[in-house]
Amino acid sequence: MKTDREDAEGTEQEERSFEDALKRLEEIVQAMEAGDLKLEQMMAYFEEGMKLVELCNRKLQEVQEKVEILVKKGEELTTEEFRPEGDES
Protein backbone atom coordinates (compact mmCIF):
# COMPACT_ATOMS: atom_id res chain seq x y z
CA MET A 1 0.00 0.00 0.00
CA LYS A 2 1.36 3.41 -0.97
CA THR A 3 1.80 6.15 1.59
CA ASP A 4 0.52 9.68 1.02
CA ARG A 5 4.13 10.73 0.37
CA GLU A 6 4.59 8.03 -2.29
CA ASP A 7 1.30 9.03 -3.94
CA ALA A 8 2.38 12.69 -3.99
CA GLU A 9 5.78 11.77 -5.41
CA GLY A 10 4.12 9.60 -8.08
CA THR A 11 1.79 12.43 -9.09
CA GLU A 12 4.71 14.85 -9.19
CA GLN A 13 6.67 12.44 -11.40
CA GLU A 14 3.72 12.03 -13.82
CA GLU A 15 3.37 15.81 -14.19
CA ARG A 16 7.08 16.17 -15.01
CA SER A 17 7.85 16.71 -18.68
CA PHE A 18 10.06 14.28 -20.57
CA GLU A 19 12.76 16.92 -20.86
CA ASP A 20 12.67 17.72 -17.13
CA ALA A 21 12.80 14.03 -16.25
CA LEU A 22 15.76 13.48 -18.56
CA LYS A 23 17.58 16.50 -17.14
CA ARG A 24 17.03 15.26 -13.58
CA LEU A 25 18.21 11.80 -14.61
CA GLU A 26 21.42 13.31 -16.00
CA GLU A 27 21.95 15.20 -12.72
CA ILE A 28 21.51 11.97 -10.77
CA VAL A 29 23.99 10.11 -12.97
CA GLN A 30 26.58 12.88 -12.56
CA ALA A 31 26.17 12.86 -8.77
CA MET A 32 26.46 9.08 -8.63
CA GLU A 33 29.50 9.02 -10.91
CA ALA A 34 31.26 11.59 -8.72
CA GLY A 35 31.39 8.94 -6.01
CA ASP A 36 31.03 11.39 -3.10
CA LEU A 37 27.69 10.01 -1.88
CA LYS A 38 26.92 7.88 1.14
CA LEU A 39 25.31 4.52 0.50
CA GLU A 40 21.85 5.70 1.61
CA GLN A 41 21.95 8.71 -0.73
CA MET A 42 23.23 6.51 -3.56
CA MET A 43 20.27 4.15 -3.08
CA ALA A 44 17.81 7.06 -2.94
CA TYR A 45 19.23 8.43 -6.20
CA PHE A 46 19.12 4.97 -7.77
CA GLU A 47 15.44 4.56 -6.86
CA GLU A 48 14.58 8.03 -8.15
CA GLY A 49 16.53 7.35 -11.33
CA MET A 50 14.68 4.09 -11.98
CA LYS A 51 11.33 5.88 -11.57
CA LEU A 52 12.50 8.56 -14.01
CA VAL A 53 13.60 5.93 -16.53
CA GLU A 54 10.15 4.31 -16.32
CA LEU A 55 8.49 7.71 -16.76
CA CYS A 56 10.64 8.57 -19.79
CA ASN A 57 9.97 5.18 -21.38
CA ARG A 58 6.23 5.53 -20.78
CA LYS A 59 6.16 9.04 -22.27
CA LEU A 60 8.16 7.90 -25.32
CA GLN A 61 5.77 4.99 -25.81
CA GLU A 62 2.77 7.33 -25.61
CA VAL A 63 4.30 9.66 -28.18
CA GLN A 64 5.18 6.81 -30.52
CA GLU A 65 1.58 5.59 -30.37
CA LYS A 66 0.30 9.08 -31.26
CA VAL A 67 2.71 9.87 -34.06
CA GLU A 68 0.95 10.12 -37.37
CA ILE A 69 2.28 10.97 -40.78
CA LEU A 70 0.42 13.43 -42.92
CA VAL A 71 -0.03 12.06 -46.38
CA LYS A 72 -1.28 14.18 -49.21
CA LYS A 73 -3.68 12.20 -51.36
CA GLY A 74 -4.84 14.36 -54.22
CA GLU A 75 -6.48 17.47 -52.81
CA GLU A 76 -7.21 15.86 -49.48
CA LEU A 77 -4.91 15.57 -46.46
CA THR A 78 -5.25 12.37 -44.47
CA THR A 79 -3.32 10.73 -41.68
CA GLU A 80 -1.67 7.34 -41.43
CA GLU A 81 -0.52 5.57 -38.31
CA PHE A 82 3.25 5.76 -37.82
CA ARG A 83 5.03 2.43 -38.26
CA PRO A 84 8.74 2.25 -37.40
CA GLU A 85 11.01 0.58 -39.96
CA GLY A 86 10.83 -3.19 -39.74
CA ASP A 87 7.53 -3.12 -37.84
CA GLU A 88 5.15 -5.34 -39.77
CA SER A 89 2.28 -5.21 -37.25
PDB file of N, CA and C in Angstrom:
ATOM      1  N   MET A   1       0.844  -1.189   0.000  1.00  0.00           N
ATOM      2  CA  MET A   1       0.000   0.000   0.000  1.00  0.00           C
ATOM      3  C   MET A   1       0.886   1.248   0.000  1.00  0.00           C
ATOM      4  N   LYS A   2       0.563   2.192  -0.855  1.00  0.00           N
ATOM      5  CA  LYS A   2       1.359   3.415  -0.969  1.00  0.00           C
ATOM      6  C   LYS A   2       1.002   4.402   0.131  1.00  0.00           C
ATOM      7  N   THR A   3       2.021   5.091   0.610  1.00  0.00           N
ATOM      8  CA  THR A   3       1.797   6.146   1.590  1.00  0.00           C
ATOM      9  C   THR A   3       1.373   7.411   0.854  1.00  0.00           C
ATOM     10  N   ASP A   4       0.892   8.396   1.618  1.00  0.00           N
ATOM     11  CA  ASP A   4       0.523   9.682   1.016  1.00  0.00           C
ATOM     12  C   ASP A   4       1.725  10.310   0.329  1.00  0.00           C
ATOM     13  N   ARG A   5       2.902  10.155   0.943  1.00  0.00           N
ATOM     14  CA  ARG A   5       4.130  10.729   0.365  1.00  0.00           C
ATOM     15  C   ARG A   5       4.441  10.070  -0.978  1.00  0.00           C
ATOM     16  N   GLU A   6       4.326   8.736  -1.041  1.00  0.00           N
ATOM     17  CA  GLU A   6       4.589   8.025  -2.295  1.00  0.00           C
ATOM     18  C   GLU A   6       3.586   8.417  -3.369  1.00  0.00           C
ATOM     19  N   ASP A   7       2.312   8.580  -2.989  1.00  0.00           N
ATOM     20  CA  ASP A   7       1.297   9.033  -3.943  1.00  0.00           C
ATOM     21  C   ASP A   7       1.628  10.420  -4.472  1.00  0.00           C
ATOM     22  N   ALA A   8       2.029  11.323  -3.582  1.00  0.00           N
ATOM     23  CA  ALA A   8       2.378  12.690  -3.989  1.00  0.00           C
ATOM     24  C   ALA A   8       3.591  12.677  -4.903  1.00  0.00           C
ATOM     25  N   GLU A   9       4.589  11.858  -4.569  1.00  0.00           N
ATOM     26  CA  GLU A   9       5.780  11.766  -5.415  1.00  0.00           C
ATOM     27  C   GLU A   9       5.428  11.193  -6.778  1.00  0.00           C
ATOM     28  N   GLY A  10       4.544  10.193  -6.810  1.00  0.00           N
ATOM     29  CA  GLY A  10       4.125   9.599  -8.077  1.00  0.00           C
ATOM     30  C   GLY A  10       3.397  10.602  -8.946  1.00  0.00           C
ATOM     31  N   THR A  11       2.517  11.396  -8.347  1.00  0.00           N
ATOM     32  CA  THR A  11       1.794  12.427  -9.087  1.00  0.00           C
ATOM     33  C   THR A  11       2.761  13.475  -9.614  1.00  0.00           C
ATOM     34  N   GLU A  12       3.710  13.862  -8.776  1.00  0.00           N
ATOM     35  CA  GLU A  12       4.710  14.850  -9.192  1.00  0.00           C
ATOM     36  C   GLU A  12       5.529  14.312 -10.364  1.00  0.00           C
ATOM     37  N   GLN A  13       5.893  13.047 -10.313  1.00  0.00           N
ATOM     38  CA  GLN A  13       6.665  12.443 -11.401  1.00  0.00           C
ATOM     39  C   GLN A  13       5.849  12.457 -12.695  1.00  0.00           C
ATOM     40  N   GLU A  14       4.566  12.090 -12.632  1.00  0.00           N
ATOM     41  CA  GLU A  14       3.723  12.029 -13.824  1.00  0.00           C
ATOM     42  C   GLU A  14       3.559  13.399 -14.467  1.00  0.00           C
ATOM     43  N   GLU A  15       3.555  14.459 -13.659  1.00  0.00           N
ATOM     44  CA  GLU A  15       3.374  15.807 -14.185  1.00  0.00           C
ATOM     45  C   GLU A  15       4.661  16.359 -14.790  1.00  0.00           C
ATOM     46  N   ARG A  16       5.777  15.728 -14.510  1.00  0.00           N
ATOM     47  CA  ARG A  16       7.083  16.173 -15.005  1.00  0.00           C
ATOM     48  C   ARG A  16       7.156  15.924 -16.510  1.00  0.00           C
ATOM     49  N   SER A  17       7.699  16.893 -17.235  1.00  0.00           N
ATOM     50  CA  SER A  17       7.853  16.713 -18.681  1.00  0.00           C
ATOM     51  C   SER A  17       8.988  15.735 -18.959  1.00  0.00           C
ATOM     52  N   PHE A  18       8.997  15.192 -20.160  1.00  0.00           N
ATOM     53  CA  PHE A  18      10.059  14.277 -20.569  1.00  0.00           C
ATOM     54  C   PHE A  18      11.418  14.952 -20.425  1.00  0.00           C
ATOM     55  N   GLU A  19      11.491  16.193 -20.897  1.00  0.00           N
ATOM     56  CA  GLU A  19      12.763  16.922 -20.858  1.00  0.00           C
ATOM     57  C   GLU A  19      13.238  17.156 -19.423  1.00  0.00           C
ATOM     58  N   ASP A  20      12.307  17.518 -18.534  1.00  0.00           N
ATOM     59  CA  ASP A  20      12.666  17.725 -17.127  1.00  0.00           C
ATOM     60  C   ASP A  20      13.128  16.419 -16.483  1.00  0.00           C
ATOM     61  N   ALA A  21      12.429  15.335 -16.802  1.00  0.00           N
ATOM     62  CA  ALA A  21      12.801  14.033 -16.250  1.00  0.00           C
ATOM     63  C   ALA A  21      14.183  13.620 -16.734  1.00  0.00           C
ATOM     64  N   LEU A  22      14.459  13.837 -18.004  1.00  0.00           N
ATOM     65  CA  LEU A  22      15.759  13.482 -18.564  1.00  0.00           C
ATOM     66  C   LEU A  22      16.874  14.326 -17.945  1.00  0.00           C
ATOM     67  N   LYS A  23      16.591  15.617 -17.761  1.00  0.00           N
ATOM     68  CA  LYS A  23      17.584  16.504 -17.142  1.00  0.00           C
ATOM     69  C   LYS A  23      17.882  16.051 -15.715  1.00  0.00           C
ATOM     70  N   ARG A  24      16.837  15.725 -14.958  1.00  0.00           N
ATOM     71  CA  ARG A  24      17.027  15.260 -13.579  1.00  0.00           C
ATOM     72  C   ARG A  24      17.799  13.942 -13.570  1.00  0.00           C
ATOM     73  N   LEU A  25      17.503  13.077 -14.511  1.00  0.00           N
ATOM     74  CA  LEU A  25      18.209  11.804 -14.609  1.00  0.00           C
ATOM     75  C   LEU A  25      19.700  12.028 -14.869  1.00  0.00           C
ATOM     76  N   GLU A  26      20.016  12.983 -15.732  1.00  0.00           N
ATOM     77  CA  GLU A  26      21.421  13.313 -16.004  1.00  0.00           C
ATOM     78  C   GLU A  26      22.109  13.852 -14.748  1.00  0.00           C
ATOM     79  N   GLU A  27      21.390  14.665 -13.971  1.00  0.00           N
ATOM     80  CA  GLU A  27      21.952  15.195 -12.721  1.00  0.00           C
ATOM     81  C   GLU A  27      22.250  14.060 -11.742  1.00  0.00           C
ATOM     82  N   ILE A  28      21.333  13.111 -11.663  1.00  0.00           N
ATOM     83  CA  ILE A  28      21.512  11.970 -10.766  1.00  0.00           C
ATOM     84  C   ILE A  28      22.732  11.152 -11.182  1.00  0.00           C
ATOM     85  N   VAL A  29      22.852  10.891 -12.470  1.00  0.00           N
ATOM     86  CA  VAL A  29      23.991  10.115 -12.971  1.00  0.00           C
ATOM     87  C   VAL A  29      25.304  10.822 -12.643  1.00  0.00           C
ATOM     88  N   GLN A  30      25.351  12.131 -12.866  1.00  0.00           N
ATOM     89  CA  GLN A  30      26.576  12.883 -12.558  1.00  0.00           C
ATOM     90  C   GLN A  30      26.926  12.787 -11.075  1.00  0.00           C
ATOM     91  N   ALA A  31      25.928  12.930 -10.217  1.00  0.00           N
ATOM     92  CA  ALA A  31      26.170  12.860  -8.771  1.00  0.00           C
ATOM     93  C   ALA A  31      26.658  11.470  -8.370  1.00  0.00           C
ATOM     94  N   MET A  32      26.058  10.442  -8.962  1.00  0.00           N
ATOM     95  CA  MET A  32      26.463   9.080  -8.625  1.00  0.00           C
ATOM     96  C   MET A  32      27.858   8.769  -9.154  1.00  0.00           C
ATOM     97  N   GLU A  33      28.174   9.268 -10.335  1.00  0.00           N
ATOM     98  CA  GLU A  33      29.498   9.022 -10.912  1.00  0.00           C
ATOM     99  C   GLU A  33      30.599   9.743 -10.148  1.00  0.00           C
ATOM    100  N   ALA A  34      30.262  10.844  -9.492  1.00  0.00           N
ATOM    101  CA  ALA A  34      31.259  11.594  -8.724  1.00  0.00           C
ATOM    102  C   ALA A  34      31.780  10.760  -7.557  1.00  0.00           C
ATOM    103  N   GLY A  35      30.949   9.853  -7.061  1.00  0.00           N
ATOM    104  CA  GLY A  35      31.389   8.944  -6.010  1.00  0.00           C
ATOM    105  C   GLY A  35      31.498   9.547  -4.624  1.00  0.00           C
ATOM    106  N   ASP A  36      30.932  10.724  -4.403  1.00  0.00           N
ATOM    107  CA  ASP A  36      31.025  11.391  -3.102  1.00  0.00           C
ATOM    108  C   ASP A  36      29.807  11.141  -2.212  1.00  0.00           C
ATOM    109  N   LEU A  37      28.941  10.222  -2.601  1.00  0.00           N
ATOM    110  CA  LEU A  37      27.690  10.012  -1.878  1.00  0.00           C
ATOM    111  C   LEU A  37      27.806   8.868  -0.882  1.00  0.00           C
ATOM    112  N   LYS A  38      27.043   8.982   0.181  1.00  0.00           N
ATOM    113  CA  LYS A  38      26.925   7.881   1.136  1.00  0.00           C
ATOM    114  C   LYS A  38      25.997   6.834   0.521  1.00  0.00           C
ATOM    115  N   LEU A  39      26.085   5.631   1.033  1.00  0.00           N
ATOM    116  CA  LEU A  39      25.305   4.522   0.495  1.00  0.00           C
ATOM    117  C   LEU A  39      23.806   4.826   0.474  1.00  0.00           C
ATOM    118  N   GLU A  40      23.287   5.407   1.533  1.00  0.00           N
ATOM    119  CA  GLU A  40      21.853   5.704   1.610  1.00  0.00           C
ATOM    120  C   GLU A  40      21.434   6.694   0.525  1.00  0.00           C
ATOM    121  N   GLN A  41      22.258   7.716   0.310  1.00  0.00           N
ATOM    122  CA  GLN A  41      21.950   8.706  -0.728  1.00  0.00           C
ATOM    123  C   GLN A  41      22.063   8.078  -2.111  1.00  0.00           C
ATOM    124  N   MET A  42      23.056   7.204  -2.285  1.00  0.00           N
ATOM    125  CA  MET A  42      23.230   6.512  -3.558  1.00  0.00           C
ATOM    126  C   MET A  42      21.989   5.674  -3.878  1.00  0.00           C
ATOM    127  N   MET A  43      21.470   4.971  -2.877  1.00  0.00           N
ATOM    128  CA  MET A  43      20.266   4.153  -3.082  1.00  0.00           C
ATOM    129  C   MET A  43      19.052   5.029  -3.375  1.00  0.00           C
ATOM    130  N   ALA A  44      18.931   6.151  -2.691  1.00  0.00           N
ATOM    131  CA  ALA A  44      17.808   7.062  -2.938  1.00  0.00           C
ATOM    132  C   ALA A  44      17.870   7.593  -4.366  1.00  0.00           C
ATOM    133  N   TYR A  45      19.062   7.967  -4.818  1.00  0.00           N
ATOM    134  CA  TYR A  45      19.231   8.432  -6.199  1.00  0.00           C
ATOM    135  C   TYR A  45      18.925   7.316  -7.194  1.00  0.00           C
ATOM    136  N   PHE A  46      19.379   6.108  -6.879  1.00  0.00           N
ATOM    137  CA  PHE A  46      19.120   4.975  -7.766  1.00  0.00           C
ATOM    138  C   PHE A  46      17.619   4.746  -7.924  1.00  0.00           C
ATOM    139  N   GLU A  47      16.895   4.752  -6.810  1.00  0.00           N
ATOM    140  CA  GLU A  47      15.443   4.558  -6.856  1.00  0.00           C
ATOM    141  C   GLU A  47      14.767   5.668  -7.651  1.00  0.00           C
ATOM    142  N   GLU A  48      15.157   6.908  -7.405  1.00  0.00           N
ATOM    143  CA  GLU A  48      14.578   8.032  -8.147  1.00  0.00           C
ATOM    144  C   GLU A  48      14.894   7.901  -9.633  1.00  0.00           C
ATOM    145  N   GLY A  49      16.123   7.517  -9.934  1.00  0.00           N
ATOM    146  CA  GLY A  49      16.530   7.347 -11.328  1.00  0.00           C
ATOM    147  C   GLY A  49      15.719   6.278 -12.036  1.00  0.00           C
ATOM    148  N   MET A  50      15.468   5.169 -11.365  1.00  0.00           N
ATOM    149  CA  MET A  50      14.679   4.093 -11.976  1.00  0.00           C
ATOM    150  C   MET A  50      13.247   4.559 -12.261  1.00  0.00           C
ATOM    151  N   LYS A  51      12.674   5.335 -11.347  1.00  0.00           N
ATOM    152  CA  LYS A  51      11.330   5.876 -11.574  1.00  0.00           C
ATOM    153  C   LYS A  51      11.332   6.830 -12.770  1.00  0.00           C
ATOM    154  N   LEU A  52      12.393   7.626 -12.882  1.00  0.00           N
ATOM    155  CA  LEU A  52      12.498   8.560 -14.007  1.00  0.00           C
ATOM    156  C   LEU A  52      12.668   7.817 -15.329  1.00  0.00           C
ATOM    157  N   VAL A  53      13.438   6.738 -15.323  1.00  0.00           N
ATOM    158  CA  VAL A  53      13.604   5.926 -16.533  1.00  0.00           C
ATOM    159  C   VAL A  53      12.252   5.356 -16.962  1.00  0.00           C
ATOM    160  N   GLU A  54      11.486   4.834 -16.008  1.00  0.00           N
ATOM    161  CA  GLU A  54      10.154   4.309 -16.315  1.00  0.00           C
ATOM    162  C   GLU A  54       9.255   5.404 -16.885  1.00  0.00           C
ATOM    163  N   LEU A  55       9.301   6.585 -16.280  1.00  0.00           N
ATOM    164  CA  LEU A  55       8.493   7.708 -16.756  1.00  0.00           C
ATOM    165  C   LEU A  55       8.877   8.084 -18.185  1.00  0.00           C
ATOM    166  N   CYS A  56      10.175   8.208 -18.441  1.00  0.00           N
ATOM    167  CA  CYS A  56      10.641   8.567 -19.789  1.00  0.00           C
ATOM    168  C   CYS A  56      10.219   7.515 -20.805  1.00  0.00           C
ATOM    169  N   ASN A  57      10.380   6.245 -20.461  1.00  0.00           N
ATOM    170  CA  ASN A  57       9.973   5.178 -21.376  1.00  0.00           C
ATOM    171  C   ASN A  57       8.478   5.225 -21.658  1.00  0.00           C
ATOM    172  N   ARG A  58       7.685   5.462 -20.619  1.00  0.00           N
ATOM    173  CA  ARG A  58       6.231   5.535 -20.784  1.00  0.00           C
ATOM    174  C   ARG A  58       5.844   6.717 -21.674  1.00  0.00           C
ATOM    175  N   LYS A  59       6.476   7.866 -21.452  1.00  0.00           N
ATOM    176  CA  LYS A  59       6.164   9.044 -22.271  1.00  0.00           C
ATOM    177  C   LYS A  59       6.578   8.827 -23.723  1.00  0.00           C
ATOM    178  N   LEU A  60       7.733   8.200 -23.946  1.00  0.00           N
ATOM    179  CA  LEU A  60       8.164   7.904 -25.316  1.00  0.00           C
ATOM    180  C   LEU A  60       7.195   6.944 -25.996  1.00  0.00           C
ATOM    181  N   GLN A  61       6.731   5.939 -25.260  1.00  0.00           N
ATOM    182  CA  GLN A  61       5.768   4.986 -25.811  1.00  0.00           C
ATOM    183  C   GLN A  61       4.466   5.695 -26.192  1.00  0.00           C
ATOM    184  N   GLU A  62       3.996   6.585 -25.328  1.00  0.00           N
ATOM    185  CA  GLU A  62       2.767   7.326 -25.613  1.00  0.00           C
ATOM    186  C   GLU A  62       2.917   8.166 -26.877  1.00  0.00           C
ATOM    187  N   VAL A  63       4.064   8.821 -27.005  1.00  0.00           N
ATOM    188  CA  VAL A  63       4.297   9.659 -28.181  1.00  0.00           C
ATOM    189  C   VAL A  63       4.362   8.804 -29.436  1.00  0.00           C
ATOM    190  N   GLN A  64       5.063   7.685 -29.350  1.00  0.00           N
ATOM    191  CA  GLN A  64       5.179   6.811 -30.517  1.00  0.00           C
ATOM    192  C   GLN A  64       3.805   6.340 -30.980  1.00  0.00           C
ATOM    193  N   GLU A  65       2.924   6.042 -30.032  1.00  0.00           N
ATOM    194  CA  GLU A  65       1.581   5.595 -30.372  1.00  0.00           C
ATOM    195  C   GLU A  65       0.757   6.706 -31.018  1.00  0.00           C
ATOM    196  N   LYS A  66       1.073   7.959 -30.737  1.00  0.00           N
ATOM    197  CA  LYS A  66       0.297   9.080 -31.257  1.00  0.00           C
ATOM    198  C   LYS A  66       0.837   9.648 -32.567  1.00  0.00           C
ATOM    199  N   VAL A  67       2.085   9.289 -32.873  1.00  0.00           N
ATOM    200  CA  VAL A  67       2.711   9.875 -34.058  1.00  0.00           C
ATOM    201  C   VAL A  67       1.950   9.439 -35.308  1.00  0.00           C
ATOM    202  N   GLU A  68       1.615  10.394 -36.104  1.00  0.00           N
ATOM    203  CA  GLU A  68       0.949  10.120 -37.371  1.00  0.00           C
ATOM    204  C   GLU A  68       1.661  10.895 -38.471  1.00  0.00           C
ATOM    205  N   ILE A  69       1.653  10.313 -39.643  1.00  0.00           N
ATOM    206  CA  ILE A  69       2.285  10.965 -40.781  1.00  0.00           C
ATOM    207  C   ILE A  69       1.194  11.541 -41.671  1.00  0.00           C
ATOM    208  N   LEU A  70       1.361  12.821 -41.991  1.00  0.00           N
ATOM    209  CA  LEU A  70       0.415  13.434 -42.921  1.00  0.00           C
ATOM    210  C   LEU A  70       0.762  12.990 -44.335  1.00  0.00           C
ATOM    211  N   VAL A  71      -0.224  12.528 -45.020  1.00  0.00           N
ATOM    212  CA  VAL A  71      -0.027  12.060 -46.383  1.00  0.00           C
ATOM    213  C   VAL A  71      -0.981  12.833 -47.287  1.00  0.00           C
ATOM    214  N   LYS A  72      -0.426  13.437 -48.291  1.00  0.00           N
ATOM    215  CA  LYS A  72      -1.281  14.184 -49.210  1.00  0.00           C
ATOM    216  C   LYS A  72      -1.764  13.232 -50.299  1.00  0.00           C
ATOM    217  N   LYS A  73      -3.059  13.056 -50.348  1.00  0.00           N
ATOM    218  CA  LYS A  73      -3.676  12.201 -51.358  1.00  0.00           C
ATOM    219  C   LYS A  73      -4.585  13.096 -52.194  1.00  0.00           C
ATOM    220  N   GLY A  74      -4.086  13.452 -53.368  1.00  0.00           N
ATOM    221  CA  GLY A  74      -4.840  14.357 -54.223  1.00  0.00           C
ATOM    222  C   GLY A  74      -4.982  15.697 -53.544  1.00  0.00           C
ATOM    223  N   GLU A  75      -6.192  16.186 -53.440  1.00  0.00           N
ATOM    224  CA  GLU A  75      -6.483  17.469 -52.813  1.00  0.00           C
ATOM    225  C   GLU A  75      -6.686  17.326 -51.301  1.00  0.00           C
ATOM    226  N   GLU A  76      -6.804  16.104 -50.850  1.00  0.00           N
ATOM    227  CA  GLU A  76      -7.209  15.855 -49.476  1.00  0.00           C
ATOM    228  C   GLU A  76      -6.019  15.426 -48.605  1.00  0.00           C
ATOM    229  N   LEU A  77      -5.923  15.999 -47.416  1.00  0.00           N
ATOM    230  CA  LEU A  77      -4.907  15.574 -46.463  1.00  0.00           C
ATOM    231  C   LEU A  77      -5.507  14.519 -45.544  1.00  0.00           C
ATOM    232  N   THR A  78      -4.800  13.417 -45.381  1.00  0.00           N
ATOM    233  CA  THR A  78      -5.245  12.367 -44.473  1.00  0.00           C
ATOM    234  C   THR A  78      -4.088  12.011 -43.550  1.00  0.00           C
ATOM    235  N   THR A  79      -4.373  11.177 -42.592  1.00  0.00           N
ATOM    236  CA  THR A  79      -3.318  10.731 -41.685  1.00  0.00           C
ATOM    237  C   THR A  79      -3.175   9.222 -41.773  1.00  0.00           C
ATOM    238  N   GLU A  80      -1.966   8.761 -41.507  1.00  0.00           N
ATOM    239  CA  GLU A  80      -1.670   7.341 -41.434  1.00  0.00           C
ATOM    240  C   GLU A  80      -0.961   7.082 -40.130  1.00  0.00           C
ATOM    241  N   GLU A  81      -1.205   5.925 -39.547  1.00  0.00           N
ATOM    242  CA  GLU A  81      -0.516   5.569 -38.312  1.00  0.00           C
ATOM    243  C   GLU A  81       0.971   5.395 -38.590  1.00  0.00           C
ATOM    244  N   PHE A  82       1.800   5.889 -37.695  1.00  0.00           N
ATOM    245  CA  PHE A  82       3.250   5.759 -37.822  1.00  0.00           C
ATOM    246  C   PHE A  82       3.656   4.321 -37.567  1.00  0.00           C
ATOM    247  N   ARG A  83       4.484   3.771 -38.446  1.00  0.00           N
ATOM    248  CA  ARG A  83       5.035   2.427 -38.259  1.00  0.00           C
ATOM    249  C   ARG A  83       6.549   2.509 -38.401  1.00  0.00           C
ATOM    250  N   PRO A  84       7.278   2.224 -37.321  1.00  0.00           N
ATOM    251  CA  PRO A  84       8.739   2.255 -37.405  1.00  0.00           C
ATOM    252  C   PRO A  84       9.242   1.244 -38.424  1.00  0.00           C
ATOM    253  N   GLU A  85      10.431   1.497 -38.987  1.00  0.00           N
ATOM    254  CA  GLU A  85      11.012   0.578 -39.956  1.00  0.00           C
ATOM    255  C   GLU A  85      11.098  -0.812 -39.366  1.00  0.00           C
ATOM    256  N   GLY A  86      10.743  -1.809 -40.189  1.00  0.00           N
ATOM    257  CA  GLY A  86      10.831  -3.188 -39.745  1.00  0.00           C
ATOM    258  C   GLY A  86       9.654  -3.644 -38.917  1.00  0.00           C
ATOM    259  N   ASP A  87       8.712  -2.760 -38.627  1.00  0.00           N
ATOM    260  CA  ASP A  87       7.533  -3.121 -37.840  1.00  0.00           C
ATOM    261  C   ASP A  87       6.429  -3.520 -38.792  1.00  0.00           C
ATOM    262  N   GLU A  88       6.142  -4.812 -38.845  1.00  0.00           N
ATOM    263  CA  GLU A  88       5.146  -5.337 -39.774  1.00  0.00           C
ATOM    264  C   GLU A  88       3.745  -5.369 -39.175  1.00  0.00           C
ATOM    265  N   SER A  89       3.588  -5.091 -37.898  1.00  0.00           N
ATOM    266  CA  SER A  89       2.279  -5.211 -37.248  1.00  0.00           C
ATOM    267  C   SER A  89       1.334  -4.117 -37.602  1.00  0.00           C
TER     268      SER A  89
END
